[in-house]
Amino acid sequence: MSKGKVITVTLSEETWRELRRRAALAGKSISAFVRERIEEELGQKGNIYEEVHRELEEIARKVGGHLERWNREELYDL
């Protein structure tokens, strides 16, 4: 893996203990455990938006329409 960005997060003592416990159960370092959870979360969000967009395109097609795409200038009348 390429060198990534380092972040600092403040957690409650209770959250810290649970994080350490779950990382240990997974056999991972805390850093690896947190990194994987964040990557999963971001990956899921991206997929959800793409899926919704495809569904909207399908609905528009079924009713004889289509989805419009606008650029920034068109949206803000620049």
N, C-alpha and C. Protein backbone atom coordinates (compact mmCIF):
# COMPACT_ATOMS: atom_id res chain seq x y z
N MET A 1 0.86 -1.18 0.00
CA MET A 1 0.00 0.00 0.00
C MET A 1 0.89 1.23 0.00
N SER A 2 0.50 2.24 -0.75
CA SER A 2 1.28 3.48 -0.79
C SER A 2 1.13 4.22 0.52
N LYS A 3 2.07 5.13 0.77
CA LYS A 3 2.02 5.92 2.00
C LYS A 3 0.76 6.77 1.98
N GLY A 4 -0.01 6.69 3.04
CA GLY A 4 -1.26 7.42 3.11
C GLY A 4 -1.17 8.62 4.01
N LYS A 5 -2.28 9.25 4.21
CA LYS A 5 -2.40 10.41 5.09
C LYS A 5 -2.59 9.93 6.52
N VAL A 6 -2.06 10.66 7.45
CA VAL A 6 -2.21 10.36 8.86
C VAL A 6 -3.25 11.30 9.44
N ILE A 7 -4.19 10.75 10.21
CA ILE A 7 -5.21 11.58 10.84
C ILE A 7 -5.20 11.34 12.35
N THR A 8 -5.76 12.27 13.08
CA THR A 8 -5.90 12.15 14.53
C THR A 8 -7.38 12.18 14.86
N VAL A 9 -7.82 11.24 15.67
CA VAL A 9 -9.22 11.15 16.07
C VAL A 9 -9.27 11.06 17.59
N THR A 10 -10.15 11.83 18.20
CA THR A 10 -10.33 11.77 19.64
C THR A 10 -11.54 10.89 19.94
N LEU A 11 -11.32 9.90 20.81
CA LEU A 11 -12.38 8.95 21.16
C LEU A 11 -12.59 8.95 22.67
N SER A 12 -13.79 8.60 23.07
CA SER A 12 -14.04 8.41 24.51
C SER A 12 -13.28 7.15 24.95
N GLU A 13 -13.05 7.04 26.23
CA GLU A 13 -12.36 5.86 26.77
C GLU A 13 -13.13 4.59 26.45
N GLU A 14 -14.43 4.64 26.56
CA GLU A 14 -15.27 3.47 26.26
C GLU A 14 -15.14 3.06 24.79
N THR A 15 -15.20 4.04 23.90
CA THR A 15 -15.07 3.75 22.47
C THR A 15 -13.69 3.19 22.17
N TRP A 16 -12.65 3.74 22.78
CA TRP A 16 -11.28 3.27 22.58
C TRP A 16 -11.15 1.80 23.00
N ARG A 17 -11.72 1.44 24.15
CA ARG A 17 -11.64 0.06 24.63
C ARG A 17 -12.35 -0.89 23.67
N GLU A 18 -13.53 -0.47 23.18
CA GLU A 18 -14.28 -1.32 22.24
C GLU A 18 -13.53 -1.45 20.92
N LEU A 19 -12.93 -0.38 20.45
CA LEU A 19 -12.15 -0.41 19.21
C LEU A 19 -10.98 -1.39 19.35
N ARG A 20 -10.26 -1.30 20.46
CA ARG A 20 -9.14 -2.22 20.71
C ARG A 20 -9.61 -3.66 20.76
N ARG A 21 -10.74 -3.89 21.39
CA ARG A 21 -11.29 -5.24 21.49
C ARG A 21 -11.65 -5.81 20.13
N ARG A 22 -12.37 -5.01 19.33
CA ARG A 22 -12.79 -5.49 18.00
C ARG A 22 -11.61 -5.70 17.06
N ALA A 23 -10.63 -4.81 17.11
CA ALA A 23 -9.43 -4.98 16.28
C ALA A 23 -8.71 -6.27 16.67
N ALA A 24 -8.59 -6.52 17.98
CA ALA A 24 -7.92 -7.75 18.45
C ALA A 24 -8.69 -8.98 18.00
N LEU A 25 -10.01 -8.95 18.09
CA LEU A 25 -10.82 -10.09 17.65
C LEU A 25 -10.64 -10.36 16.16
N ALA A 26 -10.44 -9.29 15.39
CA ALA A 26 -10.23 -9.43 13.95
C ALA A 26 -8.78 -9.78 13.62
N GLY A 27 -7.90 -9.77 14.64
CA GLY A 27 -6.49 -10.08 14.41
C GLY A 27 -5.77 -8.98 13.64
N LYS A 28 -6.20 -7.75 13.84
CA LYS A 28 -5.63 -6.62 13.11
C LYS A 28 -5.14 -5.56 14.07
N SER A 29 -4.24 -4.73 13.58
CA SER A 29 -3.86 -3.55 14.36
C SER A 29 -5.04 -2.59 14.36
N ILE A 30 -5.04 -1.69 15.32
CA ILE A 30 -6.12 -0.70 15.37
C ILE A 30 -6.13 0.13 14.09
N SER A 31 -4.95 0.51 13.63
CA SER A 31 -4.85 1.30 12.41
C SER A 31 -5.44 0.57 11.21
N ALA A 32 -5.07 -0.69 11.04
CA ALA A 32 -5.58 -1.48 9.91
C ALA A 32 -7.09 -1.67 10.03
N PHE A 33 -7.56 -1.93 11.24
CA PHE A 33 -8.98 -2.13 11.47
C PHE A 33 -9.78 -0.88 11.10
N VAL A 34 -9.33 0.27 11.58
CA VAL A 34 -10.03 1.53 11.29
C VAL A 34 -9.96 1.85 9.80
N ARG A 35 -8.78 1.69 9.20
CA ARG A 35 -8.63 1.97 7.77
C ARG A 35 -9.59 1.13 6.94
N GLU A 36 -9.69 -0.16 7.24
CA GLU A 36 -10.58 -1.04 6.48
C GLU A 36 -12.04 -0.63 6.66
N ARG A 37 -12.43 -0.27 7.88
CA ARG A 37 -13.83 0.15 8.11
C ARG A 37 -14.14 1.42 7.32
N ILE A 38 -13.21 2.37 7.31
CA ILE A 38 -13.43 3.62 6.57
C ILE A 38 -13.52 3.34 5.07
N GLU A 39 -12.61 2.52 4.56
CA GLU A 39 -12.64 2.20 3.13
C GLU A 39 -13.93 1.48 2.75
N GLU A 40 -14.40 0.58 3.61
CA GLU A 40 -15.68 -0.10 3.35
C GLU A 40 -16.83 0.91 3.32
N GLU A 41 -16.85 1.80 4.29
CA GLU A 41 -17.93 2.80 4.36
C GLU A 41 -17.94 3.69 3.13
N LEU A 42 -16.79 4.15 2.73
CA LEU A 42 -16.73 5.04 1.56
C LEU A 42 -17.07 4.28 0.29
N GLY A 43 -16.65 3.05 0.20
CA GLY A 43 -16.97 2.24 -0.97
C GLY A 43 -18.46 1.99 -1.08
N GLN A 44 -19.11 1.72 0.04
CA GLN A 44 -20.54 1.47 0.04
C GLN A 44 -21.31 2.72 -0.36
N LYS A 45 -20.88 3.86 0.13
CA LYS A 45 -21.58 5.10 -0.21
C LYS A 45 -21.52 5.35 -1.71
N GLY A 46 -20.35 5.16 -2.28
CA GLY A 46 -20.20 5.37 -3.72
C GLY A 46 -21.11 4.45 -4.51
N ASN A 47 -21.19 3.19 -4.11
CA ASN A 47 -22.02 2.23 -4.81
C ASN A 47 -23.50 2.56 -4.69
N ILE A 48 -23.91 3.04 -3.53
CA ILE A 48 -25.32 3.40 -3.34
C ILE A 48 -25.71 4.53 -4.29
N TYR A 49 -24.88 5.55 -4.40
CA TYR A 49 -25.19 6.67 -5.29
C TYR A 49 -25.25 6.22 -6.75
N GLU A 50 -24.32 5.36 -7.14
CA GLU A 50 -24.34 4.85 -8.52
C GLU A 50 -25.59 4.02 -8.77
N GLU A 51 -25.97 3.20 -7.80
CA GLU A 51 -27.17 2.37 -7.95
C GLU A 51 -28.42 3.23 -8.07
N VAL A 52 -28.54 4.25 -7.24
CA VAL A 52 -29.69 5.15 -7.29
C VAL A 52 -29.74 5.86 -8.64
N HIS A 53 -28.58 6.30 -9.13
CA HIS A 53 -28.54 6.97 -10.43
C HIS A 53 -29.02 6.03 -11.54
N ARG A 54 -28.58 4.79 -11.52
CA ARG A 54 -29.02 3.82 -12.53
C ARG A 54 -30.53 3.60 -12.43
N GLU A 55 -31.05 3.50 -11.21
CA GLU A 55 -32.49 3.32 -11.04
C GLU A 55 -33.27 4.51 -11.57
N LEU A 56 -32.79 5.71 -11.32
CA LEU A 56 -33.46 6.91 -11.84
C LEU A 56 -33.42 6.95 -13.36
N GLU A 57 -32.30 6.55 -13.94
CA GLU A 57 -32.22 6.49 -15.40
C GLU A 57 -33.24 5.50 -15.96
N GLU A 58 -33.37 4.36 -15.30
CA GLU A 58 -34.33 3.35 -15.75
C GLU A 58 -35.76 3.85 -15.64
N ILE A 59 -36.09 4.51 -14.55
CA ILE A 59 -37.44 5.07 -14.37
C ILE A 59 -37.72 6.12 -15.45
N ALA A 60 -36.76 6.99 -15.69
CA ALA A 60 -36.93 8.03 -16.71
C ALA A 60 -37.13 7.39 -18.09
N ARG A 61 -36.36 6.36 -18.39
CA ARG A 61 -36.50 5.69 -19.68
C ARG A 61 -37.87 5.06 -19.84
N LYS A 62 -38.38 4.45 -18.76
CA LYS A 62 -39.69 3.78 -18.81
C LYS A 62 -40.82 4.75 -19.08
N VAL A 63 -40.69 5.99 -18.63
CA VAL A 63 -41.76 6.96 -18.85
C VAL A 63 -41.49 7.83 -20.08
N GLY A 64 -40.52 7.43 -20.88
CA GLY A 64 -40.24 8.14 -22.12
C GLY A 64 -39.36 9.36 -21.97
N GLY A 65 -38.67 9.48 -20.88
CA GLY A 65 -37.81 10.64 -20.67
C GLY A 65 -36.35 10.23 -20.55
N HIS A 66 -35.57 11.12 -20.04
CA HIS A 66 -34.15 10.85 -19.80
C HIS A 66 -33.65 11.80 -18.71
N LEU A 67 -32.52 11.44 -18.12
CA LEU A 67 -31.93 12.31 -17.10
C LEU A 67 -31.06 13.35 -17.78
N GLU A 68 -31.23 14.57 -17.37
CA GLU A 68 -30.40 15.65 -17.90
C GLU A 68 -29.12 15.75 -17.08
N ARG A 69 -28.05 16.13 -17.73
CA ARG A 69 -26.80 16.43 -17.04
C ARG A 69 -26.47 17.89 -17.33
N TRP A 70 -26.18 18.62 -16.26
CA TRP A 70 -25.84 20.02 -16.40
C TRP A 70 -24.43 20.26 -15.90
N ASN A 71 -23.81 21.27 -16.45
CA ASN A 71 -22.51 21.67 -15.91
C ASN A 71 -22.73 22.83 -14.95
N ARG A 72 -21.69 23.25 -14.28
CA ARG A 72 -21.79 24.29 -13.25
C ARG A 72 -22.36 25.59 -13.83
N GLU A 73 -21.93 25.98 -15.00
CA GLU A 73 -22.39 27.22 -15.61
C GLU A 73 -23.89 27.19 -15.89
N GLU A 74 -24.40 26.04 -16.36
CA GLU A 74 -25.82 25.92 -16.64
C GLU A 74 -26.64 25.95 -15.34
N LEU A 75 -26.13 25.30 -14.30
CA LEU A 75 -26.87 25.26 -13.04
C LEU A 75 -26.96 26.64 -12.38
N TYR A 76 -25.89 27.38 -12.45
CA TYR A 76 -25.83 28.66 -11.76
C TYR A 76 -25.97 29.85 -12.70
N ASP A 77 -26.26 29.58 -13.95
CA ASP A 77 -26.47 30.62 -14.94
C ASP A 77 -25.33 31.63 -14.94
N LEU A 78 -24.10 31.08 -15.05
CA LEU A 78 -22.90 31.93 -15.02
C LEU A 78 -22.55 32.44 -16.41
